[in-house]
Amino acid sequence: MKYSLTRSKSDWRLHIWEPAPINHNRVSPFLYKINLRFGTEYEAREALSHFLQMQQQEYGEQCELISA
């Protein structure tokens, strides 16, 4: 999974996605993409940590997050 965390004038934006190759059934280069906004960097990083924990529980293995 990849993520980006950016600051705008009014908030923090967290994007998380699972890269995937484009093919005849997939027109975007990802399986899913989540876009969230937070008031602080701390809240955004907490959400990122929570998402990673949920993924690890769901799949029973270590998930790697890569900053894009």
Protein backbone atom coordinates (compact mmCIF):
# COMPACT_ATOMS: atom_id res chain seq x y z
CA MET A 1 0.00 0.00 0.00
CA LYS A 2 1.11 3.53 -0.61
CA TYR A 3 0.14 6.75 1.06
CA SER A 4 0.71 10.47 0.88
CA LEU A 5 0.18 13.03 3.61
CA THR A 6 0.06 16.66 2.55
CA ARG A 7 -0.79 19.95 4.20
CA SER A 8 -3.15 22.42 2.58
CA LYS A 9 -4.03 25.89 3.84
CA SER A 10 -6.83 24.60 6.05
CA ASP A 11 -6.21 20.90 6.74
CA TRP A 12 -4.11 17.75 6.31
CA ARG A 13 -4.92 15.35 3.48
CA LEU A 14 -4.25 11.64 3.73
CA HIS A 15 -4.44 9.45 0.62
CA ILE A 16 -4.04 5.67 0.87
CA TRP A 17 -4.12 3.33 -2.13
CA GLU A 18 -3.21 -0.17 -3.29
CA PRO A 19 -1.29 0.00 -6.59
CA ALA A 20 -2.35 -2.33 -9.39
CA PRO A 21 -1.50 -2.56 -13.08
CA ILE A 22 -3.90 -1.10 -15.61
CA ASN A 23 -5.52 -3.72 -17.83
CA HIS A 24 -8.68 -4.18 -19.91
CA ASN A 25 -10.80 -4.34 -16.70
CA ARG A 26 -8.99 -1.66 -14.68
CA VAL A 27 -8.67 1.89 -15.99
CA SER A 28 -6.99 3.35 -12.87
CA PRO A 29 -3.61 2.21 -11.50
CA PHE A 30 -4.98 1.10 -8.11
CA LEU A 31 -7.38 -1.41 -6.54
CA TYR A 32 -8.77 1.24 -4.19
CA LYS A 33 -7.99 4.76 -3.06
CA ILE A 34 -9.02 6.45 0.19
CA ASN A 35 -8.99 10.25 0.50
CA LEU A 36 -9.39 11.76 3.97
CA ARG A 37 -9.03 15.22 5.55
CA PHE A 38 -7.94 16.02 9.11
CA GLY A 39 -7.51 19.13 11.19
CA THR A 40 -4.03 18.16 12.43
CA GLU A 41 -1.09 16.09 11.30
CA TYR A 42 -1.39 14.03 14.48
CA GLU A 43 -4.98 13.02 13.61
CA ALA A 44 -3.93 12.05 10.09
CA ARG A 45 -1.03 9.92 11.34
CA GLU A 46 -3.29 8.26 13.92
CA ALA A 47 -5.76 7.35 11.15
CA LEU A 48 -2.93 5.98 9.03
CA SER A 49 -1.73 3.85 11.95
CA HIS A 50 -5.27 2.60 12.59
CA PHE A 51 -5.75 1.70 8.93
CA LEU A 52 -2.50 -0.27 8.94
CA GLN A 53 -3.54 -2.16 12.08
CA MET A 54 -6.90 -3.06 10.51
CA GLN A 55 -5.19 -4.32 7.36
CA GLN A 56 -2.80 -6.48 9.40
CA GLN A 57 -5.69 -7.97 11.38
CA GLU A 58 -7.70 -8.63 8.23
CA TYR A 59 -4.92 -10.35 6.31
CA GLY A 60 -2.94 -11.77 9.24
CA GLU A 61 0.39 -10.53 7.94
CA GLN A 62 2.58 -7.48 7.95
CA CYS A 63 1.42 -4.82 5.53
CA GLU A 64 3.95 -2.38 4.22
CA LEU A 65 3.06 1.27 3.79
CA ILE A 66 5.25 3.22 1.39
CA SER A 67 5.22 7.00 1.35
CA ALA A 68 4.66 8.24 -2.19
